[in-house]
Amino acid sequence: MLTGWFSFPDGEATAGDVLALRRVEDVLRRAGLEYDVAWSPGFRPDAPHLADVAPERYGRLVFVCGPLHGPQIEELHRRFAHCRRIAVGTSVIDPHGPAVTGFHRVLAR
């Protein structure tokens, strides 16, 4: 499951977020790995939304781009606790905060 601030109903999708997502998608496609992208209903009404996905369908969760902080990311850790969770191209505001420490791996900018 690919997520980012573009996945949250009150999130945002900057050009940088979308470009970073496209790059991660390209890497996964080339590696032959299947994935879904969770979008905010406000950005892509026809796409999978976090509120509707079944976390048990996934073994990996990747958070793409943006700052790692806040209750939205902490909730991802709770809902997808069984998944290997990786953050890619992110900003780390508080390296000891739960939004950061919940990831198994952080590949910061």
C-alpha atoms as a PDB file:
ATOM      1  CA  MET A   1       0.000   0.000   0.000  1.00  0.00           C
ATOM      2  CA  LEU A   2       1.394   3.383  -1.008  1.00  0.00           C
ATOM      3  CA  THR A   3       0.316   6.301   1.142  1.00  0.00           C
ATOM      4  CA  GLY A   4       1.288   9.897   1.800  1.00  0.00           C
ATOM      5  CA  TRP A   5      -0.303  13.162   2.775  1.00  0.00           C
ATOM      6  CA  PHE A   6      -2.328  12.768  -0.440  1.00  0.00           C
ATOM      7  CA  SER A   7      -4.071   9.802   1.262  1.00  0.00           C
ATOM      8  CA  PHE A   8      -5.640  11.709   4.148  1.00  0.00           C
ATOM      9  CA  PRO A   9      -9.038  13.413   3.798  1.00  0.00           C
ATOM     10  CA  ASP A  10      -7.551  16.598   5.264  1.00  0.00           C
ATOM     11  CA  GLY A  11      -4.161  16.140   3.592  1.00  0.00           C
ATOM     12  CA  GLU A  12      -2.716  17.740   0.515  1.00  0.00           C
ATOM     13  CA  ALA A  13      -1.081  16.682  -2.715  1.00  0.00           C
ATOM     14  CA  THR A  14       1.710  18.982  -3.814  1.00  0.00           C
ATOM     15  CA  ALA A  15       3.443  18.568  -7.161  1.00  0.00           C
ATOM     16  CA  GLY A  16       6.418  17.168  -5.230  1.00  0.00           C
ATOM     17  CA  ASP A  17       4.209  14.602  -3.476  1.00  0.00           C
ATOM     18  CA  VAL A  18       2.785  13.380  -6.773  1.00  0.00           C
ATOM     19  CA  LEU A  19       6.197  13.257  -8.478  1.00  0.00           C
ATOM     20  CA  ALA A  20       7.662  11.320  -5.546  1.00  0.00           C
ATOM     21  CA  LEU A  21       4.719   8.906  -5.671  1.00  0.00           C
ATOM     22  CA  ARG A  22       5.220   8.384  -9.419  1.00  0.00           C
ATOM     23  CA  ARG A  23       8.891   7.609  -8.843  1.00  0.00           C
ATOM     24  CA  VAL A  24       8.127   5.019  -6.151  1.00  0.00           C
ATOM     25  CA  GLU A  25       5.459   3.492  -8.410  1.00  0.00           C
ATOM     26  CA  ASP A  26       8.006   3.248 -11.225  1.00  0.00           C
ATOM     27  CA  VAL A  27      10.530   1.476  -8.980  1.00  0.00           C
ATOM     28  CA  LEU A  28       7.904  -0.991  -7.748  1.00  0.00           C
ATOM     29  CA  ARG A  29       6.631  -1.696 -11.284  1.00  0.00           C
ATOM     30  CA  ARG A  30      10.157  -2.352 -12.537  1.00  0.00           C
ATOM     31  CA  ALA A  31      10.702  -4.741  -9.619  1.00  0.00           C
ATOM     32  CA  GLY A  32       7.489  -6.569 -10.520  1.00  0.00           C
ATOM     33  CA  LEU A  33       5.807  -5.726  -7.208  1.00  0.00           C
ATOM     34  CA  GLU A  34       2.065  -5.161  -7.031  1.00  0.00           C
ATOM     35  CA  TYR A  35       0.719  -2.217  -5.046  1.00  0.00           C
ATOM     36  CA  ASP A  36      -2.305  -0.023  -4.467  1.00  0.00           C
ATOM     37  CA  VAL A  37      -2.295   3.725  -3.860  1.00  0.00           C
ATOM     38  CA  ALA A  38      -4.601   5.185  -1.215  1.00  0.00           C
ATOM     39  CA  TRP A  39      -5.910   8.605  -2.207  1.00  0.00           C
ATOM     40  CA  SER A  40      -8.013  11.137  -0.363  1.00  0.00           C
ATOM     41  CA  PRO A  41     -11.591  11.034  -1.667  1.00  0.00           C
ATOM     42  CA  GLY A  42     -11.216  14.745  -2.387  1.00  0.00           C
ATOM     43  CA  PHE A  43      -8.383  14.136  -4.851  1.00  0.00           C
ATOM     44  CA  ARG A  44      -9.376  10.844  -6.493  1.00  0.00           C
ATOM     45  CA  PRO A  45     -12.954   9.777  -5.686  1.00  0.00           C
ATOM     46  CA  ASP A  46     -12.617   6.586  -7.764  1.00  0.00           C
ATOM     47  CA  ALA A  47      -9.362   5.390  -6.113  1.00  0.00           C
ATOM     48  CA  PRO A  48      -8.926   3.252  -2.988  1.00  0.00           C
ATOM     49  CA  HIS A  49      -9.352   5.318   0.197  1.00  0.00           C
ATOM     50  CA  LEU A  50      -7.689   4.564   3.526  1.00  0.00           C
ATOM     51  CA  ALA A  51     -11.038   4.341   5.299  1.00  0.00           C
ATOM     52  CA  ASP A  52     -12.191   1.633   2.886  1.00  0.00           C
ATOM     53  CA  VAL A  53      -9.136  -0.605   2.504  1.00  0.00           C
ATOM     54  CA  ALA A  54      -8.682  -3.821   4.473  1.00  0.00           C
ATOM     55  CA  PRO A  55      -5.241  -3.523   6.109  1.00  0.00           C
ATOM     56  CA  GLU A  56      -4.877  -7.314   6.323  1.00  0.00           C
ATOM     57  CA  ARG A  57      -4.632  -7.442   2.508  1.00  0.00           C
ATOM     58  CA  TYR A  58      -1.214  -5.781   2.678  1.00  0.00           C
ATOM     59  CA  GLY A  59       2.197  -6.832   3.915  1.00  0.00           C
ATOM     60  CA  ARG A  60       3.948  -3.522   3.262  1.00  0.00           C
ATOM     61  CA  LEU A  61       3.000   0.105   3.729  1.00  0.00           C
ATOM     62  CA  VAL A  62       5.089   2.863   2.154  1.00  0.00           C
ATOM     63  CA  PHE A  63       4.590   6.497   3.156  1.00  0.00           C
ATOM     64  CA  VAL A  64       5.833   8.747   0.349  1.00  0.00           C
ATOM     65  CA  CYS A  65       7.120  12.311   0.765  1.00  0.00           C
ATOM     66  CA  GLY A  66       6.263  15.020   3.260  1.00  0.00           C
ATOM     67  CA  PRO A  67       6.843  15.553   6.963  1.00  0.00           C
ATOM     68  CA  LEU A  68       6.541  12.649   9.398  1.00  0.00           C
ATOM     69  CA  HIS A  69       4.387  14.026  12.196  1.00  0.00           C
ATOM     70  CA  GLY A  70       0.848  14.031  13.443  1.00  0.00           C
ATOM     71  CA  PRO A  71      -1.997  11.764  14.437  1.00  0.00           C
ATOM     72  CA  GLN A  72      -2.799  10.717  10.863  1.00  0.00           C
ATOM     73  CA  ILE A  73       0.547   8.941  10.519  1.00  0.00           C
ATOM     74  CA  GLU A  74       0.303   7.481  14.015  1.00  0.00           C
ATOM     75  CA  GLU A  75      -3.070   6.007  13.008  1.00  0.00           C
ATOM     76  CA  LEU A  76      -1.433   4.396   9.951  1.00  0.00           C
ATOM     77  CA  HIS A  77       0.966   2.637  12.327  1.00  0.00           C
ATOM     78  CA  ARG A  78      -1.959   1.317  14.376  1.00  0.00           C
ATOM     79  CA  ARG A  79      -4.110   0.211  11.424  1.00  0.00           C
ATOM     80  CA  PHE A  80      -1.213  -1.369   9.529  1.00  0.00           C
ATOM     81  CA  ALA A  81       0.700  -2.641  12.574  1.00  0.00           C
ATOM     82  CA  HIS A  82       1.287  -6.049  10.977  1.00  0.00           C
ATOM     83  CA  CYS A  83       2.878  -4.474   7.870  1.00  0.00           C
ATOM     84  CA  ARG A  84       6.490  -3.621   7.251  1.00  0.00           C
ATOM     85  CA  ARG A  85       6.277   0.183   7.246  1.00  0.00           C
ATOM     86  CA  ILE A  86       8.737   2.300   5.266  1.00  0.00           C
ATOM     87  CA  ALA A  87       8.891   6.076   4.802  1.00  0.00           C
ATOM     88  CA  VAL A  88      10.533   7.365   1.607  1.00  0.00           C
ATOM     89  CA  GLY A  89      11.593  10.930   0.762  1.00  0.00           C
ATOM     90  CA  THR A  90      10.228  12.331   3.999  1.00  0.00           C
ATOM     91  CA  SER A  91      11.176  15.114   6.395  1.00  0.00           C
ATOM     92  CA  VAL A  92      11.922  14.101   9.975  1.00  0.00           C
ATOM     93  CA  ILE A  93      10.855  16.811  12.401  1.00  0.00           C
ATOM     94  CA  ASP A  94      11.212  14.831  15.638  1.00  0.00           C
ATOM     95  CA  PRO A  95      13.266  11.642  15.212  1.00  0.00           C
ATOM     96  CA  HIS A  96      11.916  10.329  18.529  1.00  0.00           C
ATOM     97  CA  GLY A  97       8.246  11.081  17.820  1.00  0.00           C
ATOM     98  CA  PRO A  98       5.808   8.190  17.358  1.00  0.00           C
ATOM     99  CA  ALA A  99       5.046   9.171  13.768  1.00  0.00           C
ATOM    100  CA  VAL A 100       8.719   8.484  12.957  1.00  0.00           C
ATOM    101  CA  THR A 101       9.558   5.624  15.303  1.00  0.00           C
ATOM    102  CA  GLY A 102       6.570   3.618  14.054  1.00  0.00           C
ATOM    103  CA  PHE A 103       8.357   3.023  10.753  1.00  0.00           C
ATOM    104  CA  HIS A 104      10.695   0.086  10.373  1.00  0.00           C
ATOM    105  CA  ARG A 105      12.794   2.137   7.970  1.00  0.00           C
ATOM    106  CA  VAL A 106      12.930   5.855   7.196  1.00  0.00           C
ATOM    107  CA  LEU A 107      14.658   7.020   4.021  1.00  0.00           C
ATOM    108  CA  ALA A 108      14.574  10.744   4.732  1.00  0.00           C
ATOM    109  CA  ARG A 109      15.250  13.493   2.217  1.00  0.00           C
END
